[in-house]
């Protein structure tokens, strides 16, 4: 079994608690579903949010999805002037038999612009 990293991102329309939780829930569910994962496969998840998102921790959405014993961490992205606003990103470390080339990274909503090469 190998340790792999899965990336993902999404964008919200406004810095509102429910939008952050809803978009993060959708992102986490898509990452898990597309990669055939359960919480037992997840080692840890790092969430980041752009500096304009401060009303809620994105990790709360993962806790509500059952990530009770998975280490989760939230951090702020650096404030790059030309960066896409209102973006939540994640990097999940997982145990899987899949080769790196088969890992499905997930970019949703306006965040598809971040990785047009791999966005679904």
PDB file of N, CA and C in Angstrom:
ATOM      1  N   UNK A   1       0.860  -1.174   0.000  1.00  0.00           N
ATOM      2  CA  UNK A   1       0.000   0.000   0.000  1.00  0.00           C
ATOM      3  C   UNK A   1       0.904   1.234   0.000  1.00  0.00           C
ATOM      4  N   UNK A   2       0.598   2.170  -0.879  1.00  0.00           N
ATOM      5  CA  UNK A   2       1.389   3.396  -0.992  1.00  0.00           C
ATOM      6  C   UNK A   2       0.666   4.567  -0.336  1.00  0.00           C
ATOM      7  N   UNK A   3       1.437   5.569   0.037  1.00  0.00           N
ATOM      8  CA  UNK A   3       0.875   6.828   0.506  1.00  0.00           C
ATOM      9  C   UNK A   3       0.855   7.780  -0.683  1.00  0.00           C
ATOM     10  N   UNK A   4      -0.301   8.356  -0.966  1.00  0.00           N
ATOM     11  CA  UNK A   4      -0.475   9.285  -2.076  1.00  0.00           C
ATOM     12  C   UNK A   4      -1.123  10.557  -1.551  1.00  0.00           C
ATOM     13  N   UNK A   5      -0.983  11.628  -2.321  1.00  0.00           N
ATOM     14  CA  UNK A   5      -1.645  12.887  -2.008  1.00  0.00           C
ATOM     15  C   UNK A   5      -2.694  13.158  -3.076  1.00  0.00           C
ATOM     16  N   UNK A   6      -3.846  13.613  -2.639  1.00  0.00           N
ATOM     17  CA  UNK A   6      -4.934  14.000  -3.539  1.00  0.00           C
ATOM     18  C   UNK A   6      -5.190  15.484  -3.329  1.00  0.00           C
ATOM     19  N   UNK A   7      -5.258  16.229  -4.418  1.00  0.00           N
ATOM     20  CA  UNK A   7      -5.505  17.670  -4.346  1.00  0.00           C
ATOM     21  C   UNK A   7      -6.925  17.968  -4.797  1.00  0.00           C
ATOM     22  N   UNK A   8      -7.428  19.092  -4.327  1.00  0.00           N
ATOM     23  CA  UNK A   8      -8.736  19.549  -4.755  1.00  0.00           C
ATOM     24  C   UNK A   8      -8.951  20.991  -4.368  1.00  0.00           C
ATOM     25  N   UNK A   9      -9.900  21.622  -5.037  1.00  0.00           N
ATOM     26  CA  UNK A   9     -10.240  23.008  -4.722  1.00  0.00           C
ATOM     27  C   UNK A   9     -11.649  23.313  -5.193  1.00  0.00           C
ATOM     28  N   UNK A  10     -12.230  24.305  -4.565  1.00  0.00           N
ATOM     29  CA  UNK A  10     -13.544  24.796  -4.952  1.00  0.00           C
ATOM     30  C   UNK A  10     -13.593  26.289  -4.649  1.00  0.00           C
ATOM     31  N   UNK A  11     -14.598  26.938  -5.164  1.00  0.00           N
ATOM     32  CA  UNK A  11     -14.750  28.380  -4.932  1.00  0.00           C
ATOM     33  C   UNK A  11     -16.163  28.649  -4.440  1.00  0.00           C
ATOM     34  N   UNK A  12     -16.284  29.608  -3.530  1.00  0.00           N
ATOM     35  CA  UNK A  12     -17.594  30.030  -3.039  1.00  0.00           C
ATOM     36  C   UNK A  12     -17.883  31.437  -3.538  1.00  0.00           C
ATOM     37  N   UNK A  13     -19.157  31.805  -3.522  1.00  0.00           N
ATOM     38  CA  UNK A  13     -19.569  33.122  -4.003  1.00  0.00           C
ATOM     39  C   UNK A  13     -19.362  34.221  -2.968  1.00  0.00           C
ATOM     40  N   UNK A  14     -19.387  33.831  -1.685  1.00  0.00           N
ATOM     41  CA  UNK A  14     -19.284  34.829  -0.620  1.00  0.00           C
ATOM     42  C   UNK A  14     -18.711  34.183   0.637  1.00  0.00           C
ATOM     43  N   UNK A  15     -18.164  34.997   1.509  1.00  0.00           N
ATOM     44  CA  UNK A  15     -17.633  34.530   2.783  1.00  0.00           C
ATOM     45  C   UNK A  15     -18.779  34.340   3.769  1.00  0.00           C
ATOM     46  N   UNK A  16     -19.523  33.269   3.549  1.00  0.00           N
ATOM     47  CA  UNK A  16     -20.662  32.922   4.400  1.00  0.00           C
ATOM     48  C   UNK A  16     -20.476  31.497   4.903  1.00  0.00           C
ATOM     49  N   UNK A  17     -20.750  31.304   6.167  1.00  0.00           N
ATOM     50  CA  UNK A  17     -20.537  30.013   6.815  1.00  0.00           C
ATOM     51  C   UNK A  17     -21.148  28.858   6.025  1.00  0.00           C
ATOM     52  N   UNK A  18     -22.405  28.972   5.667  1.00  0.00           N
ATOM     53  CA  UNK A  18     -23.081  27.879   4.970  1.00  0.00           C
ATOM     54  C   UNK A  18     -22.476  27.603   3.608  1.00  0.00           C
ATOM     55  N   UNK A  19     -22.027  28.633   2.903  1.00  0.00           N
ATOM     56  CA  UNK A  19     -21.379  28.411   1.606  1.00  0.00           C
ATOM     57  C   UNK A  19     -20.061  27.663   1.772  1.00  0.00           C
ATOM     58  N   UNK A  20     -19.292  28.037   2.782  1.00  0.00           N
ATOM     59  CA  UNK A  20     -18.026  27.357   3.029  1.00  0.00           C
ATOM     60  C   UNK A  20     -18.258  25.890   3.379  1.00  0.00           C
ATOM     61  N   UNK A  21     -19.201  25.634   4.249  1.00  0.00           N
ATOM     62  CA  UNK A  21     -19.489  24.251   4.644  1.00  0.00           C
ATOM     63  C   UNK A  21     -20.060  23.442   3.482  1.00  0.00           C
ATOM     64  N   UNK A  22     -20.966  24.013   2.729  1.00  0.00           N
ATOM     65  CA  UNK A  22     -21.571  23.310   1.603  1.00  0.00           C
ATOM     66  C   UNK A  22     -20.552  22.992   0.514  1.00  0.00           C
ATOM     67  N   UNK A  23     -19.752  23.971   0.143  1.00  0.00           N
ATOM     68  CA  UNK A  23     -18.755  23.762  -0.914  1.00  0.00           C
ATOM     69  C   UNK A  23     -17.683  22.773  -0.470  1.00  0.00           C
ATOM     70  N   UNK A  24     -17.278  22.842   0.796  1.00  0.00           N
ATOM     71  CA  UNK A  24     -16.267  21.917   1.294  1.00  0.00           C
ATOM     72  C   UNK A  24     -16.829  20.508   1.375  1.00  0.00           C
ATOM     73  N   UNK A  25     -18.070  20.372   1.798  1.00  0.00           N
ATOM     74  CA  UNK A  25     -18.722  19.061   1.827  1.00  0.00           C
ATOM     75  C   UNK A  25     -18.746  18.453   0.432  1.00  0.00           C
ATOM     76  N   UNK A  26     -19.139  19.252  -0.551  1.00  0.00           N
ATOM     77  CA  UNK A  26     -19.171  18.778  -1.938  1.00  0.00           C
ATOM     78  C   UNK A  26     -17.773  18.356  -2.397  1.00  0.00           C
ATOM     79  N   UNK A  27     -16.763  19.163  -2.091  1.00  0.00           N
ATOM     80  CA  UNK A  27     -15.393  18.866  -2.509  1.00  0.00           C
ATOM     81  C   UNK A  27     -14.889  17.567  -1.873  1.00  0.00           C
ATOM     82  N   UNK A  28     -15.050  17.443  -0.577  1.00  0.00           N
ATOM     83  CA  UNK A  28     -14.582  16.239   0.119  1.00  0.00           C
ATOM     84  C   UNK A  28     -15.310  15.002  -0.408  1.00  0.00           C
ATOM     85  N   UNK A  29     -16.616  15.092  -0.586  1.00  0.00           N
ATOM     86  CA  UNK A  29     -17.387  13.955  -1.090  1.00  0.00           C
ATOM     87  C   UNK A  29     -16.928  13.551  -2.496  1.00  0.00           C
ATOM     88  N   UNK A  30     -16.634  14.522  -3.336  1.00  0.00           N
ATOM     89  CA  UNK A  30     -16.158  14.228  -4.695  1.00  0.00           C
ATOM     90  C   UNK A  30     -14.781  13.576  -4.676  1.00  0.00           C
ATOM     91  N   UNK A  31     -13.884  14.088  -3.846  1.00  0.00           N
ATOM     92  CA  UNK A  31     -12.548  13.491  -3.740  1.00  0.00           C
ATOM     93  C   UNK A  31     -12.671  12.041  -3.280  1.00  0.00           C
ATOM     94  N   UNK A  32     -13.479  11.805  -2.269  1.00  0.00           N
ATOM     95  CA  UNK A  32     -13.646  10.456  -1.741  1.00  0.00           C
ATOM     96  C   UNK A  32     -14.287   9.534  -2.781  1.00  0.00           C
ATOM     97  N   UNK A  33     -15.359  10.008  -3.411  1.00  0.00           N
ATOM     98  CA  UNK A  33     -16.076   9.187  -4.384  1.00  0.00           C
ATOM     99  C   UNK A  33     -15.258   8.861  -5.615  1.00  0.00           C
ATOM    100  N   UNK A  34     -14.632   9.847  -6.189  1.00  0.00           N
ATOM    101  CA  UNK A  34     -13.867   9.630  -7.428  1.00  0.00           C
ATOM    102  C   UNK A  34     -12.648   8.741  -7.218  1.00  0.00           C
ATOM    103  N   UNK A  35     -12.171   8.688  -5.987  1.00  0.00           N
ATOM    104  CA  UNK A  35     -11.000   7.871  -5.691  1.00  0.00           C
ATOM    105  C   UNK A  35     -11.330   6.593  -4.940  1.00  0.00           C
ATOM    106  N   UNK A  36     -12.619   6.323  -4.750  1.00  0.00           N
ATOM    107  CA  UNK A  36     -13.050   5.096  -4.094  1.00  0.00           C
ATOM    108  C   UNK A  36     -12.521   4.963  -2.672  1.00  0.00           C
ATOM    109  N   UNK A  37     -12.542   6.057  -1.925  1.00  0.00           N
ATOM    110  CA  UNK A  37     -11.965   6.093  -0.589  1.00  0.00           C
ATOM    111  C   UNK A  37     -13.010   6.023   0.514  1.00  0.00           C
ATOM    112  N   UNK A  38     -12.586   5.525   1.657  1.00  0.00           N
ATOM    113  CA  UNK A  38     -13.348   5.642   2.891  1.00  0.00           C
ATOM    114  C   UNK A  38     -12.472   6.432   3.866  1.00  0.00           C
ATOM    115  N   UNK A  39     -13.028   6.842   4.974  1.00  0.00           N
ATOM    116  CA  UNK A  39     -12.223   7.587   5.944  1.00  0.00           C
ATOM    117  C   UNK A  39     -11.072   6.746   6.489  1.00  0.00           C
ATOM    118  N   UNK A  40     -11.193   5.418   6.460  1.00  0.00           N
ATOM    119  CA  UNK A  40     -10.098   4.558   6.911  1.00  0.00           C
ATOM    120  C   UNK A  40      -8.877   4.669   6.002  1.00  0.00           C
ATOM    121  N   UNK A  41      -9.064   5.104   4.760  1.00  0.00           N
ATOM    122  CA  UNK A  41      -7.956   5.262   3.815  1.00  0.00           C
ATOM    123  C   UNK A  41      -7.227   6.590   3.975  1.00  0.00           C
ATOM    124  N   UNK A  42      -7.839   7.521   4.701  1.00  0.00           N
ATOM    125  CA  UNK A  42      -7.305   8.879   4.793  1.00  0.00           C
ATOM    126  C   UNK A  42      -6.377   9.006   5.999  1.00  0.00           C
ATOM    127  N   UNK A  43      -5.161   9.448   5.741  1.00  0.00           N
ATOM    128  CA  UNK A  43      -4.165   9.643   6.802  1.00  0.00           C
ATOM    129  C   UNK A  43      -4.369  11.007   7.452  1.00  0.00           C
ATOM    130  N   UNK A  44      -4.488  12.054   6.625  1.00  0.00           N
ATOM    131  CA  UNK A  44      -4.698  13.409   7.122  1.00  0.00           C
ATOM    132  C   UNK A  44      -5.165  14.290   5.976  1.00  0.00           C
ATOM    133  N   UNK A  45      -5.745  15.445   6.325  1.00  0.00           N
ATOM    134  CA  UNK A  45      -6.190  16.400   5.313  1.00  0.00           C
ATOM    135  C   UNK A  45      -5.786  17.805   5.761  1.00  0.00           C
ATOM    136  N   UNK A  46      -5.153  18.512   4.844  1.00  0.00           N
ATOM    137  CA  UNK A  46      -4.815  19.915   5.045  1.00  0.00           C
ATOM    138  C   UNK A  46      -5.770  20.737   4.190  1.00  0.00           C
ATOM    139  N   UNK A  47      -6.500  21.635   4.824  1.00  0.00           N
ATOM    140  CA  UNK A  47      -7.382  22.565   4.123  1.00  0.00           C
ATOM    141  C   UNK A  47      -6.748  23.946   4.164  1.00  0.00           C
ATOM    142  N   UNK A  48      -6.848  24.672   3.060  1.00  0.00           N
ATOM    143  CA  UNK A  48      -6.470  26.076   3.074  1.00  0.00           C
ATOM    144  C   UNK A  48      -7.634  26.887   2.516  1.00  0.00           C
ATOM    145  N   UNK A  49      -7.660  28.142   2.901  1.00  0.00           N
ATOM    146  CA  UNK A  49      -8.660  29.076   2.380  1.00  0.00           C
ATOM    147  C   UNK A  49      -7.947  30.374   2.047  1.00  0.00           C
ATOM    148  N   UNK A  50      -8.408  31.036   1.010  1.00  0.00           N
ATOM    149  CA  UNK A  50      -7.837  32.330   0.686  1.00  0.00           C
ATOM    150  C   UNK A  50      -8.147  33.291   1.834  1.00  0.00           C
ATOM    151  N   UNK A  51      -7.341  34.343   1.995  1.00  0.00           N
ATOM    152  CA  UNK A  51      -7.498  35.246   3.147  1.00  0.00           C
ATOM    153  C   UNK A  51      -8.860  35.937   3.246  1.00  0.00           C
ATOM    154  N   UNK A  52      -9.644  35.899   2.182  1.00  0.00           N
ATOM    155  CA  UNK A  52     -10.970  36.529   2.212  1.00  0.00           C
ATOM    156  C   UNK A  52     -12.060  35.609   2.761  1.00  0.00           C
ATOM    157  N   UNK A  53     -11.699  34.402   3.191  1.00  0.00           N
ATOM    158  CA  UNK A  53     -12.657  33.460   3.782  1.00  0.00           C
ATOM    159  C   UNK A  53     -12.305  33.241   5.251  1.00  0.00           C
ATOM    160  N   UNK A  54     -13.134  33.796   6.124  1.00  0.00           N
ATOM    161  CA  UNK A  54     -12.826  33.735   7.556  1.00  0.00           C
ATOM    162  C   UNK A  54     -14.017  33.357   8.442  1.00  0.00           C
ATOM    163  N   UNK A  55     -15.187  33.061   7.852  1.00  0.00           N
ATOM    164  CA  UNK A  55     -16.366  32.832   8.688  1.00  0.00           C
ATOM    165  C   UNK A  55     -16.501  31.418   9.237  1.00  0.00           C
ATOM    166  N   UNK A  56     -15.717  30.455   8.701  1.00  0.00           N
ATOM    167  CA  UNK A  56     -15.794  29.087   9.215  1.00  0.00           C
ATOM    168  C   UNK A  56     -14.556  28.306   8.801  1.00  0.00           C
ATOM    169  N   UNK A  57     -14.235  27.303   9.587  1.00  0.00           N
ATOM    170  CA  UNK A  57     -13.143  26.389   9.263  1.00  0.00           C
ATOM    171  C   UNK A  57     -13.655  25.357   8.254  1.00  0.00           C
ATOM    172  N   UNK A  58     -13.021  25.206   7.103  1.00  0.00           N
ATOM    173  CA  UNK A  58     -13.459  24.179   6.151  1.00  0.00           C
ATOM    174  C   UNK A  58     -13.423  22.765   6.739  1.00  0.00           C
ATOM    175  N   UNK A  59     -12.519  22.497   7.649  1.00  0.00           N
ATOM    176  CA  UNK A  59     -12.420  21.160   8.243  1.00  0.00           C
ATOM    177  C   UNK A  59     -13.704  20.737   8.956  1.00  0.00           C
ATOM    178  N   UNK A  60     -14.495  21.684   9.407  1.00  0.00           N
ATOM    179  CA  UNK A  60     -15.752  21.331  10.070  1.00  0.00           C
ATOM    180  C   UNK A  60     -16.643  20.505   9.153  1.00  0.00           C
ATOM    181  N   UNK A  61     -16.635  20.803   7.873  1.00  0.00           N
ATOM    182  CA  UNK A  61     -17.442  20.026   6.929  1.00  0.00           C
ATOM    183  C   UNK A  61     -16.979  18.571   6.888  1.00  0.00           C
ATOM    184  N   UNK A  62     -15.674  18.347   6.920  1.00  0.00           N
ATOM    185  CA  UNK A  62     -15.156  16.980   6.929  1.00  0.00           C
ATOM    186  C   UNK A  62     -15.552  16.257   8.217  1.00  0.00           C
ATOM    187  N   UNK A  63     -15.498  16.963   9.347  1.00  0.00           N
ATOM    188  CA  UNK A  63     -15.918  16.344  10.609  1.00  0.00           C
ATOM    189  C   UNK A  63     -17.377  15.897  10.511  1.00  0.00           C
ATOM    190  N   UNK A  64     -18.211  16.746   9.912  1.00  0.00           N
ATOM    191  CA  UNK A  64     -19.630  16.415   9.775  1.00  0.00           C
ATOM    192  C   UNK A  64     -19.855  15.239   8.824  1.00  0.00           C
ATOM    193  N   UNK A  65     -18.878  14.970   7.951  1.00  0.00           N
ATOM    194  CA  UNK A  65     -18.963  13.827   7.032  1.00  0.00           C
ATOM    195  C   UNK A  65     -18.422  12.535   7.649  1.00  0.00           C
ATOM    196  N   UNK A  66     -17.941  12.609   8.894  1.00  0.00           N
ATOM    197  CA  UNK A  66     -17.468  11.407   9.565  1.00  0.00           C
ATOM    198  C   UNK A  66     -15.968  11.286   9.718  1.00  0.00           C
ATOM    199  N   UNK A  67     -15.219  12.334   9.447  1.00  0.00           N
ATOM    200  CA  UNK A  67     -13.766  12.322   9.607  1.00  0.00           C
ATOM    201  C   UNK A  67     -13.417  12.581  11.083  1.00  0.00           C
ATOM    202  N   UNK A  68     -13.923  11.725  11.969  1.00  0.00           N
ATOM    203  CA  UNK A  68     -13.774  11.960  13.404  1.00  0.00           C
ATOM    204  C   UNK A  68     -12.373  11.661  13.927  1.00  0.00           C
ATOM    205  N   UNK A  69     -11.714  10.631  13.384  1.00  0.00           N
ATOM    206  CA  UNK A  69     -10.385  10.274  13.887  1.00  0.00           C
ATOM    207  C   UNK A  69      -9.282  10.555  12.867  1.00  0.00           C
ATOM    208  N   UNK A  70      -9.576  11.379  11.870  1.00  0.00           N
ATOM    209  CA  UNK A  70      -8.595  11.778  10.859  1.00  0.00           C
ATOM    210  C   UNK A  70      -8.037  13.146  11.246  1.00  0.00           C
ATOM    211  N   UNK A  71      -6.719  13.287  11.329  1.00  0.00           N
ATOM    212  CA  UNK A  71      -6.147  14.603  11.621  1.00  0.00           C
ATOM    213  C   UNK A  71      -6.470  15.593  10.495  1.00  0.00           C
ATOM    214  N   UNK A  72      -7.034  16.726  10.865  1.00  0.00           N
ATOM    215  CA  UNK A  72      -7.404  17.779   9.921  1.00  0.00           C
ATOM    216  C   UNK A  72      -6.742  19.079  10.365  1.00  0.00           C
ATOM    217  N   UNK A  73      -6.345  19.900   9.391  1.00  0.00           N
ATOM    218  CA  UNK A  73      -5.717  21.173   9.706  1.00  0.00           C
ATOM    219  C   UNK A  73      -6.184  22.206   8.699  1.00  0.00           C
ATOM    220  N   UNK A  74      -6.477  23.410   9.180  1.00  0.00           N
ATOM    221  CA  UNK A  74      -6.839  24.531   8.319  1.00  0.00           C
ATOM    222  C   UNK A  74      -5.732  25.576   8.373  1.00  0.00           C
ATOM    223  N   UNK A  75      -5.477  26.199   7.229  1.00  0.00           N
ATOM    224  CA  UNK A  75      -4.474  27.261   7.140  1.00  0.00           C
ATOM    225  C   UNK A  75      -4.959  28.282   6.119  1.00  0.00           C
ATOM    226  N   UNK A  76      -4.320  29.432   6.155  1.00  0.00           N
ATOM    227  CA  UNK A  76      -4.647  30.486   5.199  1.00  0.00           C
ATOM    228  C   UNK A  76      -3.636  30.481   4.062  1.00  0.00           C
ATOM    229  N   UNK A  77      -4.132  30.641   2.840  1.00  0.00           N
ATOM    230  CA  UNK A  77      -3.257  30.789   1.671  1.00  0.00           C
ATOM    231  C   UNK A  77      -2.538  32.132   1.768  1.00  0.00           C
ATOM    232  N   UNK A  78      -1.417  32.269   1.101  1.00  0.00           N
ATOM    233  CA  UNK A  78      -0.740  33.560   1.069  1.00  0.00           C
ATOM    234  C   UNK A  78      -1.557  34.521   0.210  1.00  0.00           C
ATOM    235  N   UNK A  79      -1.492  35.781   0.531  1.00  0.00           N
ATOM    236  CA  UNK A  79      -2.318  36.806  -0.129  1.00  0.00           C
ATOM    237  C   UNK A  79      -1.654  37.308  -1.410  1.00  0.00           C
ATOM    238  N   UNK A  80      -1.654  36.481  -2.430  1.00  0.00           N
ATOM    239  CA  UNK A  80      -1.099  36.872  -3.725  1.00  0.00           C
ATOM    240  C   UNK A  80      -2.098  37.806  -4.404  1.00  0.00           C
ATOM    241  N   UNK A  81      -1.670  38.987  -4.828  1.00  0.00           N
ATOM    242  CA  UNK A  81      -2.603  39.995  -5.366  1.00  0.00           C
ATOM    243  C   UNK A  81      -3.489  39.528  -6.519  1.00  0.00           C
ATOM    244  N   UNK A  82      -2.988  38.713  -7.409  1.00  0.00           N
ATOM    245  CA  UNK A  82      -3.778  38.307  -8.586  1.00  0.00           C
ATOM    246  C   UNK A  82      -4.423  36.920  -8.426  1.00  0.00           C
ATOM    247  N   UNK A  83      -4.433  36.384  -7.230  1.00  0.00           N
ATOM    248  CA  UNK A  83      -4.978  35.048  -6.996  1.00  0.00           C
ATOM    249  C   UNK A  83      -6.495  35.028  -7.119  1.00  0.00           C
ATOM    250  N   UNK A  84      -7.020  33.873  -7.491  1.00  0.00           N
ATOM    251  CA  UNK A  84      -8.457  33.660  -7.551  1.00  0.00           C
ATOM    252  C   UNK A  84      -9.034  33.828  -6.142  1.00  0.00           C
ATOM    253  N   UNK A  85     -10.079  34.630  -5.976  1.00  0.00           N
ATOM    254  CA  UNK A  85     -10.638  34.855  -4.633  1.00  0.00           C
ATOM    255  C   UNK A  85     -11.560  33.734  -4.172  1.00  0.00           C
ATOM    256  N   UNK A  86     -11.787  33.692  -2.856  1.00  0.00           N
ATOM    257  CA  UNK A  86     -12.772  32.821  -2.212  1.00  0.00           C
ATOM    258  C   UNK A  86     -12.598  31.333  -2.564  1.00  0.00           C
ATOM    259  N   UNK A  87     -11.370  30.866  -2.451  1.00  0.00           N
ATOM    260  CA  UNK A  87     -11.047  29.485  -2.819  1.00  0.00           C
ATOM    261  C   UNK A  87     -10.694  28.674  -1.577  1.00  0.00           C
ATOM    262  N   UNK A  88     -11.234  27.469  -1.532  1.00  0.00           N
ATOM    263  CA  UNK A  88     -10.914  26.483  -0.501  1.00  0.00           C
ATOM    264  C   UNK A  88     -10.161  25.356  -1.203  1.00  0.00           C
ATOM    265  N   UNK A  89      -9.006  25.013  -0.666  1.00  0.00           N
ATOM    266  CA  UNK A  89      -8.207  23.935  -1.239  1.00  0.00           C
ATOM    267  C   UNK A  89      -8.040  22.834  -0.201  1.00  0.00           C
ATOM    268  N   UNK A  90      -7.765  21.639  -0.697  1.00  0.00           N
ATOM    269  CA  UNK A  90      -7.420  20.554   0.212  1.00  0.00           C
ATOM    270  C   UNK A  90      -6.305  19.726  -0.383  1.00  0.00           C
ATOM    271  N   UNK A  91      -5.527  19.127   0.492  1.00  0.00           N
ATOM    272  CA  UNK A  91      -4.577  18.096   0.119  1.00  0.00           C
ATOM    273  C   UNK A  91      -4.745  16.983   1.136  1.00  0.00           C
ATOM    274  N   UNK A  92      -5.212  15.846   0.642  1.00  0.00           N
ATOM    275  CA  UNK A  92      -5.447  14.689   1.500  1.00  0.00           C
ATOM    276  C   UNK A  92      -4.335  13.672   1.269  1.00  0.00           C
ATOM    277  N   UNK A  93      -3.793  13.170   2.343  1.00  0.00           N
ATOM    278  CA  UNK A  93      -2.811  12.091   2.272  1.00  0.00           C
ATOM    279  C   UNK A  93      -3.572  10.796   2.510  1.00  0.00           C
ATOM    280  N   UNK A  94      -3.415   9.858   1.581  1.00  0.00           N
ATOM    281  CA  UNK A  94      -4.208   8.632   1.627  1.00  0.00           C
ATOM    282  C   UNK A  94      -3.317   7.402   1.476  1.00  0.00           C
ATOM    283  N   UNK A  95      -3.837   6.267   1.916  1.00  0.00           N
ATOM    284  CA  UNK A  95      -3.230   4.969   1.644  1.00  0.00           C
ATOM    285  C   UNK A  95      -4.045   4.331   0.535  1.00  0.00           C
ATOM    286  N   UNK A  96      -3.358   3.894  -0.523  1.00  0.00           N
ATOM    287  CA  UNK A  96      -4.062   3.322  -1.662  1.00  0.00           C
ATOM    288  C   UNK A  96      -3.132   2.418  -2.460  1.00  0.00           C
ATOM    289  N   UNK A  97      -3.736   1.496  -3.187  1.00  0.00           N
ATOM    290  CA  UNK A  97      -2.983   0.655  -4.116  1.00  0.00           C
ATOM    291  C   UNK A  97      -2.932   1.288  -5.503  1.00  0.00           C
ATOM    292  N   UNK A  98      -3.669   2.370  -5.706  1.00  0.00           N
ATOM    293  CA  UNK A  98      -3.686   3.020  -7.011  1.00  0.00           C
ATOM    294  C   UNK A  98      -2.333   3.669  -7.311  1.00  0.00           C
ATOM    295  N   UNK A  99      -1.878   3.553  -8.554  1.00  0.00           N
ATOM    296  CA  UNK A  99      -0.676   4.305  -8.921  1.00  0.00           C
ATOM    297  C   UNK A  99      -0.992   5.801  -8.965  1.00  0.00           C
ATOM    298  N   UNK A 100       0.025   6.608  -8.847  1.00  0.00           N
ATOM    299  CA  UNK A 100      -0.142   8.064  -8.850  1.00  0.00           C
ATOM    300  C   UNK A 100      -0.941   8.532 -10.069  1.00  0.00           C
ATOM    301  N   UNK A 101      -0.730   7.908 -11.201  1.00  0.00           N
ATOM    302  CA  UNK A 101      -1.404   8.318 -12.434  1.00  0.00           C
ATOM    303  C   UNK A 101      -2.917   8.095 -12.406  1.00  0.00           C
ATOM    304  N   UNK A 102      -3.393   7.290 -11.476  1.00  0.00           N
ATOM    305  CA  UNK A 102      -4.831   7.009 -11.381  1.00  0.00           C
ATOM    306  C   UNK A 102      -5.536   7.820 -10.289  1.00  0.00           C
ATOM    307  N   UNK A 103      -4.808   8.636  -9.568  1.00  0.00           N
ATOM    308  CA  UNK A 103      -5.419   9.478  -8.543  1.00  0.00           C
ATOM    309  C   UNK A 103      -6.224  10.577  -9.230  1.00  0.00           C
ATOM    310  N   UNK A 104      -7.451  10.765  -8.784  1.00  0.00           N
ATOM    311  CA  UNK A 104      -8.341  11.778  -9.351  1.00  0.00           C
ATOM    312  C   UNK A 104      -8.323  13.028  -8.484  1.00  0.00           C
ATOM    313  N   UNK A 105      -7.673  14.076  -8.973  1.00  0.00           N
ATOM    314  CA  UNK A 105      -7.690  15.366  -8.299  1.00  0.00           C
ATOM    315  C   UNK A 105      -8.976  16.079  -8.715  1.00  0.00           C
ATOM    316  N   UNK A 106      -9.562  16.851  -7.810  1.00  0.00           N
ATOM    317  CA  UNK A 106     -10.908  17.392  -8.035  1.00  0.00           C
ATOM    318  C   UNK A 106     -10.907  18.913  -7.914  1.00  0.00           C
ATOM    319  N   UNK A 107     -11.307  19.576  -8.978  1.00  0.00           N
ATOM    320  CA  UNK A 107     -11.421  21.038  -8.994  1.00  0.00           C
ATOM    321  C   UNK A 107     -12.841  21.377  -9.421  1.00  0.00           C
ATOM    322  N   UNK A 108     -13.573  22.055  -8.550  1.00  0.00           N
ATOM    323  CA  UNK A 108     -14.987  22.318  -8.751  1.00  0.00           C
ATOM    324  C   UNK A 108     -15.275  23.814  -8.837  1.00  0.00           C
ATOM    325  N   UNK A 109     -16.447  24.104  -9.360  1.00  0.00           N
ATOM    326  CA  UNK A 109     -16.947  25.481  -9.443  1.00  0.00           C
ATOM    327  C   UNK A 109     -15.908  26.363 -10.125  1.00  0.00           C
ATOM    328  N   UNK A 110     -15.724  27.571  -9.668  1.00  0.00           N
ATOM    329  CA  UNK A 110     -14.771  28.478 -10.293  1.00  0.00           C
ATOM    330  C   UNK A 110     -13.324  28.045 -10.157  1.00  0.00           C
ATOM    331  N   UNK A 111     -13.047  27.115  -9.250  1.00  0.00           N
ATOM    332  CA  UNK A 111     -11.675  26.650  -9.047  1.00  0.00           C
ATOM    333  C   UNK A 111     -11.174  25.784 -10.199  1.00  0.00           C
ATOM    334  N   UNK A 112     -12.043  25.413 -11.118  1.00  0.00           N
ATOM    335  CA  UNK A 112     -11.563  24.669 -12.283  1.00  0.00           C
ATOM    336  C   UNK A 112     -10.532  25.480 -13.049  1.00  0.00           C
ATOM    337  N   UNK A 113     -10.593  26.803 -12.951  1.00  0.00           N
ATOM    338  CA  UNK A 113      -9.631  27.672 -13.630  1.00  0.00           C
ATOM    339  C   UNK A 113      -8.213  27.496 -13.086  1.00  0.00           C
ATOM    340  N   UNK A 114      -8.077  26.957 -11.898  1.00  0.00           N
ATOM    341  CA  UNK A 114      -6.757  26.765 -11.304  1.00  0.00           C
ATOM    342  C   UNK A 114      -5.972  25.656 -11.990  1.00  0.00           C
ATOM    343  N   UNK A 115      -6.677  24.646 -12.454  1.00  0.00           N
ATOM    344  CA  UNK A 115      -6.023  23.487 -13.062  1.00  0.00           C
ATOM    345  C   UNK A 115      -6.838  22.996 -14.250  1.00  0.00           C
ATOM    346  N   UNK A 116      -6.865  23.766 -15.309  1.00  0.00           N
ATOM    347  CA  UNK A 116      -7.618  23.376 -16.495  1.00  0.00           C
ATOM    348  C   UNK A 116      -7.110  22.054 -17.068  1.00  0.00           C
ATOM    349  N   UNK A 117      -5.864  21.716 -16.790  1.00  0.00           N
ATOM    350  CA  UNK A 117      -5.292  20.480 -17.309  1.00  0.00           C
ATOM    351  C   UNK A 117      -5.890  19.235 -16.665  1.00  0.00           C
ATOM    352  N   UNK A 118      -6.403  19.353 -15.427  1.00  0.00           N
ATOM    353  CA  UNK A 118      -6.939  18.154 -14.755  1.00  0.00           C
ATOM    354  C   UNK A 118      -8.352  18.339 -14.211  1.00  0.00           C
ATOM    355  N   UNK A 119      -8.927  19.511 -14.344  1.00  0.00           N
ATOM    356  CA  UNK A 119     -10.270  19.735 -13.799  1.00  0.00           C
ATOM    357  C   UNK A 119     -11.276  18.877 -14.547  1.00  0.00           C
ATOM    358  N   UNK A 120     -12.240  18.336 -13.778  1.00  0.00           N
ATOM    359  CA  UNK A 120     -13.279  17.496 -14.375  1.00  0.00           C
ATOM    360  C   UNK A 120     -14.546  18.290 -14.547  1.00  0.00           C
TER     361      UNK A 120
END
